[in-house]
C-alpha cells in the first residue's frame, strides 16, 4: 500500500513539475466547455490528468495536452509504485472525424432530424 501511494505521489509530482515549467506555460489545456476553456487559455489550467483503477489492479493515469492535442497513458503498479508509460499519441486527426465506430442513431442522422425541426 505504501508503495502504491508513493507511485501515485510520484505521478502527481511529475505532472505538477511539467505543468509548472515556463516552457509549458499557457500552452496546455484539454477540450473544455467554452467558459472553462477561456479560463484554461488564461493559463490557469495547463495539463489535464485523469486517474482510474484498471481491472487488473493498476492505476491508470491519462495526461492530456490539448494545445498540441496529444495524450499519454501511464500505468502505476499499486504494490511497487512502479510507473510505466504505455502509450502516447496525437489525437488531432481523431478530433477531425465526424463519426467513427458508432451505432444508430449516427451523428449525421441526428443532425438531419434536428434540421427538420
PDB file of N, CA and C in Angstrom:
ATOM      1  N   UNK A   1       0.824  -1.186   0.000  1.00  0.00           N
ATOM      2  CA  UNK A   1       0.000   0.000   0.000  1.00  0.00           C
ATOM      3  C   UNK A   1       0.872   1.257   0.000  1.00  0.00           C
ATOM      4  N   UNK A   2       1.928   1.222   0.788  1.00  0.00           N
ATOM      5  CA  UNK A   2       2.822   2.381   0.870  1.00  0.00           C
ATOM      6  C   UNK A   2       3.464   2.654  -0.491  1.00  0.00           C
ATOM      7  N   UNK A   3       3.875   1.603  -1.179  1.00  0.00           N
ATOM      8  CA  UNK A   3       4.500   1.768  -2.492  1.00  0.00           C
ATOM      9  C   UNK A   3       3.514   2.336  -3.509  1.00  0.00           C
ATOM     10  N   UNK A   4       2.253   1.931  -3.397  1.00  0.00           N
ATOM     11  CA  UNK A   4       1.237   2.454  -4.307  1.00  0.00           C
ATOM     12  C   UNK A   4       1.050   3.948  -4.084  1.00  0.00           C
ATOM     13  N   UNK A   5       1.019   4.354  -2.844  1.00  0.00           N
ATOM     14  CA  UNK A   5       0.887   5.777  -2.531  1.00  0.00           C
ATOM     15  C   UNK A   5       2.094   6.561  -3.030  1.00  0.00           C
ATOM     16  N   UNK A   6       3.272   5.967  -2.899  1.00  0.00           N
ATOM     17  CA  UNK A   6       4.489   6.611  -3.402  1.00  0.00           C
ATOM     18  C   UNK A   6       4.399   6.766  -4.922  1.00  0.00           C
ATOM     19  N   UNK A   7       3.890   5.752  -5.608  1.00  0.00           N
ATOM     20  CA  UNK A   7       3.731   5.819  -7.063  1.00  0.00           C
ATOM     21  C   UNK A   7       2.752   6.896  -7.485  1.00  0.00           C
ATOM     22  N   UNK A   8       1.604   6.964  -6.808  1.00  0.00           N
ATOM     23  CA  UNK A   8       0.605   7.985  -7.118  1.00  0.00           C
ATOM     24  C   UNK A   8       1.189   9.375  -6.862  1.00  0.00           C
ATOM     25  N   UNK A   9       1.872   9.515  -5.737  1.00  0.00           N
ATOM     26  CA  UNK A   9       2.503  10.787  -5.407  1.00  0.00           C
ATOM     27  C   UNK A   9       3.541  11.157  -6.458  1.00  0.00           C
ATOM     28  N   UNK A  10       4.298  10.171  -6.926  1.00  0.00           N
ATOM     29  CA  UNK A  10       5.313  10.409  -7.946  1.00  0.00           C
ATOM     30  C   UNK A  10       4.705  10.923  -9.238  1.00  0.00           C
ATOM     31  N   UNK A  11       3.593  10.333  -9.675  1.00  0.00           N
ATOM     32  CA  UNK A  11       2.922  10.781 -10.899  1.00  0.00           C
ATOM     33  C   UNK A  11       2.417  12.210 -10.725  1.00  0.00           C
ATOM     34  N   UNK A  12       1.824  12.491  -9.579  1.00  0.00           N
ATOM     35  CA  UNK A  12       1.323  13.838  -9.330  1.00  0.00           C
ATOM     36  C   UNK A  12       2.440  14.863  -9.319  1.00  0.00           C
ATOM     37  N   UNK A  13       3.575  14.512  -8.695  1.00  0.00           N
ATOM     38  CA  UNK A  13       4.722  15.417  -8.688  1.00  0.00           C
ATOM     39  C   UNK A  13       5.222  15.635 -10.109  1.00  0.00           C
ATOM     40  N   UNK A  14       5.282  14.567 -10.901  1.00  0.00           N
ATOM     41  CA  UNK A  14       5.716  14.671 -12.294  1.00  0.00           C
ATOM     42  C   UNK A  14       4.806  15.609 -13.083  1.00  0.00           C
ATOM     43  N   UNK A  15       3.509  15.439 -12.944  1.00  0.00           N
ATOM     44  CA  UNK A  15       2.550  16.289 -13.656  1.00  0.00           C
ATOM     45  C   UNK A  15       2.685  17.740 -13.203  1.00  0.00           C
ATOM     46  N   UNK A  16       2.818  17.949 -11.905  1.00  0.00           N
ATOM     47  CA  UNK A  16       2.957  19.311 -11.389  1.00  0.00           C
ATOM     48  C   UNK A  16       4.264  19.943 -11.866  1.00  0.00           C
ATOM     49  N   UNK A  17       5.330  19.171 -11.895  1.00  0.00           N
ATOM     50  CA  UNK A  17       6.618  19.706 -12.331  1.00  0.00           C
ATOM     51  C   UNK A  17       6.563  20.101 -13.801  1.00  0.00           C
ATOM     52  N   UNK A  18       5.976  19.255 -14.620  1.00  0.00           N
ATOM     53  CA  UNK A  18       5.877  19.560 -16.052  1.00  0.00           C
ATOM     54  C   UNK A  18       4.999  20.785 -16.273  1.00  0.00           C
ATOM     55  N   UNK A  19       3.872  20.840 -15.573  1.00  0.00           N
ATOM     56  CA  UNK A  19       2.955  21.951 -15.792  1.00  0.00           C
ATOM     57  C   UNK A  19       3.487  23.264 -15.247  1.00  0.00           C
ATOM     58  N   UNK A  20       4.428  23.215 -14.314  1.00  0.00           N
ATOM     59  CA  UNK A  20       4.951  24.452 -13.753  1.00  0.00           C
ATOM     60  C   UNK A  20       6.135  25.009 -14.539  1.00  0.00           C
ATOM     61  N   UNK A  21       6.701  24.221 -15.445  1.00  0.00           N
ATOM     62  CA  UNK A  21       7.832  24.705 -16.223  1.00  0.00           C
ATOM     63  C   UNK A  21       7.387  25.831 -17.147  1.00  0.00           C
ATOM     64  N   UNK A  22       8.180  26.868 -17.249  1.00  0.00           N
ATOM     65  CA  UNK A  22       7.844  28.028 -18.074  1.00  0.00           C
ATOM     66  C   UNK A  22       7.608  27.644 -19.531  1.00  0.00           C
ATOM     67  N   UNK A  23       8.327  26.620 -20.009  1.00  0.00           N
ATOM     68  CA  UNK A  23       8.179  26.170 -21.390  1.00  0.00           C
ATOM     69  C   UNK A  23       6.731  25.821 -21.721  1.00  0.00           C
ATOM     70  N   UNK A  24       6.029  25.214 -20.754  1.00  0.00           N
ATOM     71  CA  UNK A  24       4.668  24.741 -20.993  1.00  0.00           C
ATOM     72  C   UNK A  24       3.617  25.805 -20.677  1.00  0.00           C
ATOM     73  N   UNK A  25       4.008  26.875 -20.009  1.00  0.00           N
ATOM     74  CA  UNK A  25       3.055  27.873 -19.545  1.00  0.00           C
ATOM     75  C   UNK A  25       2.183  28.362 -20.698  1.00  0.00           C
ATOM     76  N   UNK A  26       0.895  28.441 -20.471  1.00  0.00           N
ATOM     77  CA  UNK A  26      -0.103  28.923 -21.430  1.00  0.00           C
ATOM     78  C   UNK A  26      -0.189  28.085 -22.702  1.00  0.00           C
ATOM     79  N   UNK A  27       0.311  26.858 -22.684  1.00  0.00           N
ATOM     80  CA  UNK A  27       0.258  26.019 -23.878  1.00  0.00           C
ATOM     81  C   UNK A  27      -0.622  24.791 -23.693  1.00  0.00           C
ATOM     82  N   UNK A  28      -0.919  24.389 -22.461  1.00  0.00           N
ATOM     83  CA  UNK A  28      -1.532  23.095 -22.229  1.00  0.00           C
ATOM     84  C   UNK A  28      -2.916  23.222 -21.601  1.00  0.00           C
ATOM     85  N   UNK A  29      -3.929  22.704 -22.264  1.00  0.00           N
ATOM     86  CA  UNK A  29      -5.254  22.575 -21.685  1.00  0.00           C
ATOM     87  C   UNK A  29      -6.053  21.599 -22.525  1.00  0.00           C
ATOM     88  N   UNK A  30      -7.063  21.022 -21.929  1.00  0.00           N
ATOM     89  CA  UNK A  30      -7.833  19.984 -22.616  1.00  0.00           C
ATOM     90  C   UNK A  30      -9.108  20.567 -23.218  1.00  0.00           C
ATOM     91  N   UNK A  31      -9.808  19.754 -23.977  1.00  0.00           N
ATOM     92  CA  UNK A  31     -11.079  20.189 -24.540  1.00  0.00           C
ATOM     93  C   UNK A  31     -12.046  20.436 -23.404  1.00  0.00           C
ATOM     94  N   UNK A  32     -12.560  21.620 -23.350  1.00  0.00           N
ATOM     95  CA  UNK A  32     -13.428  22.020 -22.264  1.00  0.00           C
ATOM     96  C   UNK A  32     -14.605  22.796 -22.820  1.00  0.00           C
ATOM     97  N   UNK A  33     -15.589  23.035 -21.959  1.00  0.00           N
ATOM     98  CA  UNK A  33     -16.689  23.898 -22.361  1.00  0.00           C
ATOM     99  C   UNK A  33     -16.135  25.295 -22.616  1.00  0.00           C
ATOM    100  N   UNK A  34     -16.828  26.120 -23.392  1.00  0.00           N
ATOM    101  CA  UNK A  34     -16.294  27.447 -23.715  1.00  0.00           C
ATOM    102  C   UNK A  34     -15.928  28.283 -22.488  1.00  0.00           C
ATOM    103  N   UNK A  35     -16.747  28.231 -21.436  1.00  0.00           N
ATOM    104  CA  UNK A  35     -16.440  29.046 -20.255  1.00  0.00           C
ATOM    105  C   UNK A  35     -15.179  28.547 -19.551  1.00  0.00           C
ATOM    106  N   UNK A  36     -15.034  27.237 -19.443  1.00  0.00           N
ATOM    107  CA  UNK A  36     -13.842  26.682 -18.807  1.00  0.00           C
ATOM    108  C   UNK A  36     -12.642  26.819 -19.738  1.00  0.00           C
ATOM    109  N   UNK A  37     -12.872  26.748 -21.038  1.00  0.00           N
ATOM    110  CA  UNK A  37     -11.782  26.891 -21.996  1.00  0.00           C
ATOM    111  C   UNK A  37     -11.175  28.287 -21.919  1.00  0.00           C
ATOM    112  N   UNK A  38     -12.012  29.305 -21.707  1.00  0.00           N
ATOM    113  CA  UNK A  38     -11.497  30.663 -21.556  1.00  0.00           C
ATOM    114  C   UNK A  38     -10.602  30.744 -20.334  1.00  0.00           C
ATOM    115  N   UNK A  39     -11.016  30.093 -19.253  1.00  0.00           N
ATOM    116  CA  UNK A  39     -10.191  30.053 -18.045  1.00  0.00           C
ATOM    117  C   UNK A  39      -8.889  29.313 -18.314  1.00  0.00           C
ATOM    118  N   UNK A  40      -8.977  28.210 -19.061  1.00  0.00           N
ATOM    119  CA  UNK A  40      -7.783  27.413 -19.358  1.00  0.00           C
ATOM    120  C   UNK A  40      -6.804  28.185 -20.225  1.00  0.00           C
ATOM    121  N   UNK A  41      -7.315  28.914 -21.209  1.00  0.00           N
ATOM    122  CA  UNK A  41      -6.410  29.641 -22.094  1.00  0.00           C
ATOM    123  C   UNK A  41      -5.728  30.800 -21.384  1.00  0.00           C
ATOM    124  N   UNK A  42      -6.264  31.210 -20.251  1.00  0.00           N
ATOM    125  CA  UNK A  42      -5.625  32.282 -19.496  1.00  0.00           C
ATOM    126  C   UNK A  42      -4.445  31.763 -18.685  1.00  0.00           C
ATOM    127  N   UNK A  43      -4.213  30.463 -18.736  1.00  0.00           N
ATOM    128  CA  UNK A  43      -3.049  29.889 -18.066  1.00  0.00           C
ATOM    129  C   UNK A  43      -3.357  29.248 -16.731  1.00  0.00           C
ATOM    130  N   UNK A  44      -4.630  29.244 -16.310  1.00  0.00           N
ATOM    131  CA  UNK A  44      -4.938  28.687 -15.002  1.00  0.00           C
ATOM    132  C   UNK A  44      -4.997  27.159 -15.029  1.00  0.00           C
ATOM    133  N   UNK A  45      -5.207  26.554 -16.200  1.00  0.00           N
ATOM    134  CA  UNK A  45      -5.189  25.093 -16.331  1.00  0.00           C
ATOM    135  C   UNK A  45      -4.297  24.768 -17.504  1.00  0.00           C
ATOM    136  N   UNK A  46      -3.307  23.932 -17.288  1.00  0.00           N
ATOM    137  CA  UNK A  46      -2.357  23.683 -18.359  1.00  0.00           C
ATOM    138  C   UNK A  46      -2.306  22.231 -18.799  1.00  0.00           C
ATOM    139  N   UNK A  47      -2.287  21.294 -17.882  1.00  0.00           N
ATOM    140  CA  UNK A  47      -2.340  19.869 -18.191  1.00  0.00           C
ATOM    141  C   UNK A  47      -3.568  19.291 -17.515  1.00  0.00           C
ATOM    142  N   UNK A  48      -4.162  18.319 -18.150  1.00  0.00           N
ATOM    143  CA  UNK A  48      -5.278  17.595 -17.539  1.00  0.00           C
ATOM    144  C   UNK A  48      -4.795  16.181 -17.273  1.00  0.00           C
ATOM    145  N   UNK A  49      -4.959  15.722 -16.045  1.00  0.00           N
ATOM    146  CA  UNK A  49      -4.590  14.352 -15.673  1.00  0.00           C
ATOM    147  C   UNK A  49      -5.828  13.660 -15.124  1.00  0.00           C
ATOM    148  N   UNK A  50      -6.151  12.510 -15.684  1.00  0.00           N
ATOM    149  CA  UNK A  50      -7.296  11.709 -15.253  1.00  0.00           C
ATOM    150  C   UNK A  50      -6.779  10.387 -14.714  1.00  0.00           C
ATOM    151  N   UNK A  51      -7.300   9.971 -13.592  1.00  0.00           N
ATOM    152  CA  UNK A  51      -6.821   8.748 -12.950  1.00  0.00           C
ATOM    153  C   UNK A  51      -7.973   7.787 -12.711  1.00  0.00           C
ATOM    154  N   UNK A  52      -7.706   6.495 -12.913  1.00  0.00           N
ATOM    155  CA  UNK A  52      -8.707   5.464 -12.618  1.00  0.00           C
ATOM    156  C   UNK A  52      -7.984   4.145 -12.345  1.00  0.00           C
ATOM    157  N   UNK A  53      -8.665   3.244 -11.689  1.00  0.00           N
ATOM    158  CA  UNK A  53      -8.116   1.914 -11.444  1.00  0.00           C
ATOM    159  C   UNK A  53      -8.526   0.991 -12.585  1.00  0.00           C
ATOM    160  N   UNK A  54      -7.612   0.131 -12.997  1.00  0.00           N
ATOM    161  CA  UNK A  54      -7.900  -0.820 -14.063  1.00  0.00           C
ATOM    162  C   UNK A  54      -8.386  -2.132 -13.460  1.00  0.00           C
ATOM    163  N   UNK A  55      -8.941  -2.992 -14.296  1.00  0.00           N
ATOM    164  CA  UNK A  55      -9.465  -4.276 -13.835  1.00  0.00           C
ATOM    165  C   UNK A  55      -8.359  -5.183 -13.294  1.00  0.00           C
ATOM    166  N   UNK A  56      -7.128  -4.996 -13.767  1.00  0.00           N
ATOM    167  CA  UNK A  56      -6.035  -5.857 -13.312  1.00  0.00           C
ATOM    168  C   UNK A  56      -5.295  -5.287 -12.090  1.00  0.00           C
ATOM    169  N   UNK A  57      -5.881  -4.285 -11.444  1.00  0.00           N
ATOM    170  CA  UNK A  57      -5.326  -3.804 -10.183  1.00  0.00           C
ATOM    171  C   UNK A  57      -4.264  -2.729 -10.291  1.00  0.00           C
ATOM    172  N   UNK A  58      -4.156  -2.099 -11.417  1.00  0.00           N
ATOM    173  CA  UNK A  58      -3.212  -0.981 -11.573  1.00  0.00           C
ATOM    174  C   UNK A  58      -3.988   0.320 -11.571  1.00  0.00           C
ATOM    175  N   UNK A  59      -3.245   1.390 -11.398  1.00  0.00           N
ATOM    176  CA  UNK A  59      -3.829   2.709 -11.571  1.00  0.00           C
ATOM    177  C   UNK A  59      -3.437   3.192 -12.959  1.00  0.00           C
ATOM    178  N   UNK A  60      -4.380   3.749 -13.677  1.00  0.00           N
ATOM    179  CA  UNK A  60      -4.104   4.296 -14.998  1.00  0.00           C
ATOM    180  C   UNK A  60      -4.219   5.813 -14.919  1.00  0.00           C
ATOM    181  N   UNK A  61      -3.206   6.506 -15.404  1.00  0.00           N
ATOM    182  CA  UNK A  61      -3.207   7.963 -15.414  1.00  0.00           C
ATOM    183  C   UNK A  61      -3.112   8.405 -16.872  1.00  0.00           C
ATOM    184  N   UNK A  62      -4.070   9.211 -17.297  1.00  0.00           N
ATOM    185  CA  UNK A  62      -4.079   9.758 -18.647  1.00  0.00           C
ATOM    186  C   UNK A  62      -3.756  11.241 -18.535  1.00  0.00           C
ATOM    187  N   UNK A  63      -2.720  11.682 -19.242  1.00  0.00           N
ATOM    188  CA  UNK A  63      -2.326  13.089 -19.252  1.00  0.00           C
ATOM    189  C   UNK A  63      -2.626  13.636 -20.639  1.00  0.00           C
ATOM    190  N   UNK A  64      -3.370  14.746 -20.686  1.00  0.00           N
ATOM    191  CA  UNK A  64      -3.799  15.318 -21.958  1.00  0.00           C
ATOM    192  C   UNK A  64      -3.217  16.721 -22.108  1.00  0.00           C
ATOM    193  N   UNK A  65      -2.588  16.943 -23.243  1.00  0.00           N
ATOM    194  CA  UNK A  65      -2.089  18.250 -23.641  1.00  0.00           C
ATOM    195  C   UNK A  65      -2.971  18.690 -24.802  1.00  0.00           C
ATOM    196  N   UNK A  66      -3.933  19.568 -24.516  1.00  0.00           N
ATOM    197  CA  UNK A  66      -4.896  19.935 -25.556  1.00  0.00           C
ATOM    198  C   UNK A  66      -4.323  20.910 -26.564  1.00  0.00           C
ATOM    199  N   UNK A  67      -3.334  21.674 -26.184  1.00  0.00           N
ATOM    200  CA  UNK A  67      -2.747  22.610 -27.133  1.00  0.00           C
ATOM    201  C   UNK A  67      -2.100  21.858 -28.296  1.00  0.00           C
ATOM    202  N   UNK A  68      -1.296  20.860 -27.977  1.00  0.00           N
ATOM    203  CA  UNK A  68      -0.673  20.071 -29.047  1.00  0.00           C
ATOM    204  C   UNK A  68      -1.529  18.863 -29.414  1.00  0.00           C
ATOM    205  N   UNK A  69      -2.628  18.658 -28.696  1.00  0.00           N
ATOM    206  CA  UNK A  69      -3.575  17.562 -28.938  1.00  0.00           C
ATOM    207  C   UNK A  69      -2.884  16.203 -28.902  1.00  0.00           C
ATOM    208  N   UNK A  70      -2.212  15.980 -27.785  1.00  0.00           N
ATOM    209  CA  UNK A  70      -1.509  14.726 -27.545  1.00  0.00           C
ATOM    210  C   UNK A  70      -1.971  14.175 -26.202  1.00  0.00           C
ATOM    211  N   UNK A  71      -2.124  12.860 -26.142  1.00  0.00           N
ATOM    212  CA  UNK A  71      -2.451  12.226 -24.864  1.00  0.00           C
ATOM    213  C   UNK A  71      -1.441  11.128 -24.568  1.00  0.00           C
ATOM    214  N   UNK A  72      -1.180  10.954 -23.272  1.00  0.00           N
ATOM    215  CA  UNK A  72      -0.245   9.927 -22.803  1.00  0.00           C
ATOM    216  C   UNK A  72      -0.958   9.089 -21.760  1.00  0.00           C
ATOM    217  N   UNK A  73      -0.644   7.800 -21.740  1.00  0.00           N
ATOM    218  CA  UNK A  73      -1.243   6.883 -20.769  1.00  0.00           C
ATOM    219  C   UNK A  73      -0.127   6.222 -19.970  1.00  0.00           C
ATOM    220  N   UNK A  74      -0.251   6.284 -18.642  1.00  0.00           N
ATOM    221  CA  UNK A  74       0.716   5.678 -17.732  1.00  0.00           C
ATOM    222  C   UNK A  74      -0.003   4.645 -16.872  1.00  0.00           C
ATOM    223  N   UNK A  75       0.699   3.582 -16.496  1.00  0.00           N
ATOM    224  CA  UNK A  75       0.198   2.619 -15.518  1.00  0.00           C
ATOM    225  C   UNK A  75       1.081   2.683 -14.283  1.00  0.00           C
ATOM    226  N   UNK A  76       0.443   2.644 -13.125  1.00  0.00           N
ATOM    227  CA  UNK A  76       1.142   2.665 -11.842  1.00  0.00           C
ATOM    228  C   UNK A  76       0.810   1.372 -11.115  1.00  0.00           C
ATOM    229  N   UNK A  77       1.843   0.605 -10.780  1.00  0.00           N
ATOM    230  CA  UNK A  77       1.643  -0.633 -10.023  1.00  0.00           C
ATOM    231  C   UNK A  77       1.343  -0.256  -8.577  1.00  0.00           C
ATOM    232  N   UNK A  78       0.218  -0.715  -8.051  1.00  0.00           N
ATOM    233  CA  UNK A  78      -0.142  -0.386  -6.669  1.00  0.00           C
ATOM    234  C   UNK A  78       0.870  -0.950  -5.675  1.00  0.00           C
ATOM    235  N   UNK A  79       1.326  -2.148  -5.902  1.00  0.00           N
ATOM    236  CA  UNK A  79       2.208  -2.806  -4.936  1.00  0.00           C
ATOM    237  C   UNK A  79       3.601  -2.185  -4.900  1.00  0.00           C
ATOM    238  N   UNK A  80       4.174  -1.899  -6.057  1.00  0.00           N
ATOM    239  CA  UNK A  80       5.558  -1.424  -6.103  1.00  0.00           C
ATOM    240  C   UNK A  80       5.684   0.075  -6.321  1.00  0.00           C
ATOM    241  N   UNK A  81       4.629   0.713  -6.831  1.00  0.00           N
ATOM    242  CA  UNK A  81       4.704   2.125  -7.158  1.00  0.00           C
ATOM    243  C   UNK A  81       5.390   2.389  -8.486  1.00  0.00           C
ATOM    244  N   UNK A  82       5.743   1.331  -9.206  1.00  0.00           N
ATOM    245  CA  UNK A  82       6.428   1.453 -10.499  1.00  0.00           C
ATOM    246  C   UNK A  82       5.509   2.132 -11.518  1.00  0.00           C
ATOM    247  N   UNK A  83       6.044   3.112 -12.230  1.00  0.00           N
ATOM    248  CA  UNK A  83       5.287   3.850 -13.240  1.00  0.00           C
ATOM    249  C   UNK A  83       5.826   3.470 -14.614  1.00  0.00           C
ATOM    250  N   UNK A  84       4.923   3.131 -15.531  1.00  0.00           N
ATOM    251  CA  UNK A  84       5.365   2.813 -16.884  1.00  0.00           C
ATOM    252  C   UNK A  84       4.492   3.548 -17.896  1.00  0.00           C
ATOM    253  N   UNK A  85       5.156   4.099 -18.910  1.00  0.00           N
ATOM    254  CA  UNK A  85       4.465   4.765 -20.000  1.00  0.00           C
ATOM    255  C   UNK A  85       3.919   3.693 -20.936  1.00  0.00           C
ATOM    256  N   UNK A  86       2.631   3.717 -21.189  1.00  0.00           N
ATOM    257  CA  UNK A  86       2.005   2.703 -22.023  1.00  0.00           C
ATOM    258  C   UNK A  86       1.752   3.175 -23.446  1.00  0.00           C
ATOM    259  N   UNK A  87       1.423   4.453 -23.608  1.00  0.00           N
ATOM    260  CA  UNK A  87       1.077   4.920 -24.941  1.00  0.00           C
ATOM    261  C   UNK A  87       1.139   6.438 -24.992  1.00  0.00           C
ATOM    262  N   UNK A  88       1.535   6.947 -26.158  1.00  0.00           N
ATOM    263  CA  UNK A  88       1.482   8.380 -26.450  1.00  0.00           C
ATOM    264  C   UNK A  88       1.003   8.510 -27.882  1.00  0.00           C
ATOM    265  N   UNK A  89       0.041   9.395 -28.116  1.00  0.00           N
ATOM    266  CA  UNK A  89      -0.395   9.605 -29.487  1.00  0.00           C
ATOM    267  C   UNK A  89      -1.036  10.966 -29.644  1.00  0.00           C
ATOM    268  N   UNK A  90      -0.942  11.474 -30.851  1.00  0.00           N
ATOM    269  CA  UNK A  90      -1.636  12.701 -31.185  1.00  0.00           C
ATOM    270  C   UNK A  90      -3.088  12.356 -31.491  1.00  0.00           C
ATOM    271  N   UNK A  91      -3.980  13.231 -31.101  1.00  0.00           N
ATOM    272  CA  UNK A  91      -5.403  12.979 -31.350  1.00  0.00           C
ATOM    273  C   UNK A  91      -5.983  14.005 -32.322  1.00  0.00           C
ATOM    274  N   UNK A  92      -5.116  14.748 -32.999  1.00  0.00           N
ATOM    275  CA  UNK A  92      -5.574  15.784 -33.945  1.00  0.00           C
ATOM    276  C   UNK A  92      -6.520  15.209 -34.991  1.00  0.00           C
ATOM    277  N   UNK A  93      -6.104  14.156 -35.664  1.00  0.00           N
ATOM    278  CA  UNK A  93      -6.932  13.572 -36.719  1.00  0.00           C
ATOM    279  C   UNK A  93      -8.214  12.972 -36.133  1.00  0.00           C
ATOM    280  N   UNK A  94      -8.114  12.379 -34.941  1.00  0.00           N
ATOM    281  CA  UNK A  94      -9.303  11.810 -34.299  1.00  0.00           C
ATOM    282  C   UNK A  94     -10.379  12.877 -34.112  1.00  0.00           C
ATOM    283  N   UNK A  95      -9.955  14.067 -33.690  1.00  0.00           N
ATOM    284  CA  UNK A  95     -10.903  15.130 -33.393  1.00  0.00           C
ATOM    285  C   UNK A  95     -11.512  15.749 -34.641  1.00  0.00           C
ATOM    286  N   UNK A  96     -10.944  15.483 -35.802  1.00  0.00           N
ATOM    287  CA  UNK A  96     -11.494  15.997 -37.057  1.00  0.00           C
ATOM    288  C   UNK A  96     -12.592  15.101 -37.623  1.00  0.00           C
ATOM    289  N   UNK A  97     -12.717  13.890 -37.097  1.00  0.00           N
ATOM    290  CA  UNK A  97     -13.708  12.944 -37.601  1.00  0.00           C
ATOM    291  C   UNK A  97     -15.097  13.306 -37.110  1.00  0.00           C
ATOM    292  N   UNK A  98     -16.103  13.129 -37.973  1.00  0.00           N
ATOM    293  CA  UNK A  98     -17.483  13.355 -37.574  1.00  0.00           C
ATOM    294  C   UNK A  98     -18.051  12.156 -36.828  1.00  0.00           C
ATOM    295  N   UNK A  99     -17.636  10.975 -37.237  1.00  0.00           N
ATOM    296  CA  UNK A  99     -18.136   9.763 -36.587  1.00  0.00           C
ATOM    297  C   UNK A  99     -17.179   8.609 -36.835  1.00  0.00           C
ATOM    298  N   UNK A 100     -17.158   7.690 -35.896  1.00  0.00           N
ATOM    299  CA  UNK A 100     -16.321   6.502 -36.018  1.00  0.00           C
ATOM    300  C   UNK A 100     -16.838   5.469 -35.034  1.00  0.00           C
ATOM    301  N   UNK A 101     -17.041   4.261 -35.491  1.00  0.00           N
ATOM    302  CA  UNK A 101     -17.417   3.170 -34.623  1.00  0.00           C
ATOM    303  C   UNK A 101     -18.650   3.508 -33.778  1.00  0.00           C
ATOM    304  N   UNK A 102     -19.654   4.067 -34.421  1.00  0.00           N
ATOM    305  CA  UNK A 102     -20.861   4.448 -33.701  1.00  0.00           C
ATOM    306  C   UNK A 102     -22.021   3.572 -34.117  1.00  0.00           C
ATOM    307  N   UNK A 103     -23.069   3.621 -33.334  1.00  0.00           N
ATOM    308  CA  UNK A 103     -24.289   2.884 -33.631  1.00  0.00           C
ATOM    309  C   UNK A 103     -25.408   3.879 -33.872  1.00  0.00           C
ATOM    310  N   UNK A 104     -26.477   3.399 -34.418  1.00  0.00           N
ATOM    311  CA  UNK A 104     -27.622   4.235 -34.712  1.00  0.00           C
ATOM    312  C   UNK A 104     -28.225   4.779 -33.419  1.00  0.00           C
ATOM    313  N   UNK A 105     -28.617   6.030 -33.393  1.00  0.00           N
ATOM    314  CA  UNK A 105     -28.580   6.982 -34.490  1.00  0.00           C
ATOM    315  C   UNK A 105     -27.178   7.565 -34.656  1.00  0.00           C
ATOM    316  N   UNK A 106     -26.738   7.602 -35.897  1.00  0.00           N
ATOM    317  CA  UNK A 106     -25.437   8.174 -36.225  1.00  0.00           C
ATOM    318  C   UNK A 106     -25.506   9.698 -36.098  1.00  0.00           C
ATOM    319  N   UNK A 107     -24.369  10.342 -35.883  1.00  0.00           N
ATOM    320  CA  UNK A 107     -24.382  11.803 -35.772  1.00  0.00           C
ATOM    321  C   UNK A 107     -25.046  12.494 -36.958  1.00  0.00           C
ATOM    322  N   UNK A 108     -24.829  12.008 -38.177  1.00  0.00           N
ATOM    323  CA  UNK A 108     -25.452  12.654 -39.337  1.00  0.00           C
ATOM    324  C   UNK A 108     -26.974  12.466 -39.308  1.00  0.00           C
ATOM    325  N   UNK A 109     -27.455  11.339 -38.755  1.00  0.00           N
ATOM    326  CA  UNK A 109     -28.900  11.121 -38.629  1.00  0.00           C
ATOM    327  C   UNK A 109     -29.506  12.080 -37.604  1.00  0.00           C
ATOM    328  N   UNK A 110     -28.796  12.302 -36.527  1.00  0.00           N
ATOM    329  CA  UNK A 110     -29.271  13.247 -35.503  1.00  0.00           C
ATOM    330  C   UNK A 110     -29.314  14.657 -36.079  1.00  0.00           C
ATOM    331  N   UNK A 111     -28.264  15.043 -36.823  1.00  0.00           N
ATOM    332  CA  UNK A 111     -28.250  16.377 -37.437  1.00  0.00           C
ATOM    333  C   UNK A 111     -29.416  16.531 -38.415  1.00  0.00           C
ATOM    334  N   UNK A 112     -29.724  15.484 -39.184  1.00  0.00           N
ATOM    335  CA  UNK A 112     -30.834  15.542 -40.131  1.00  0.00           C
ATOM    336  C   UNK A 112     -32.162  15.720 -39.398  1.00  0.00           C
ATOM    337  N   UNK A 113     -32.345  15.032 -38.299  1.00  0.00           N
ATOM    338  CA  UNK A 113     -33.581  15.164 -37.503  1.00  0.00           C
ATOM    339  C   UNK A 113     -33.696  16.579 -36.956  1.00  0.00           C
ATOM    340  N   UNK A 114     -32.600  17.099 -36.427  1.00  0.00           N
ATOM    341  CA  UNK A 114     -32.613  18.450 -35.870  1.00  0.00           C
ATOM    342  C   UNK A 114     -32.859  19.504 -36.950  1.00  0.00           C
ATOM    343  N   UNK A 115     -32.357  19.253 -38.144  1.00  0.00           N
ATOM    344  CA  UNK A 115     -32.536  20.185 -39.259  1.00  0.00           C
ATOM    345  C   UNK A 115     -34.014  20.267 -39.669  1.00  0.00           C
ATOM    346  N   UNK A 116     -34.751  19.138 -39.534  1.00  0.00           N
ATOM    347  CA  UNK A 116     -36.149  19.096 -39.912  1.00  0.00           C
ATOM    348  C   UNK A 116     -37.026  19.906 -38.960  1.00  0.00           C
ATOM    349  N   UNK A 117     -36.567  20.128 -37.751  1.00  0.00           N
ATOM    350  CA  UNK A 117     -37.385  20.842 -36.742  1.00  0.00           C
ATOM    351  C   UNK A 117     -37.418  22.297 -36.981  1.00  0.00           C
TER     352      UNK A 117
END
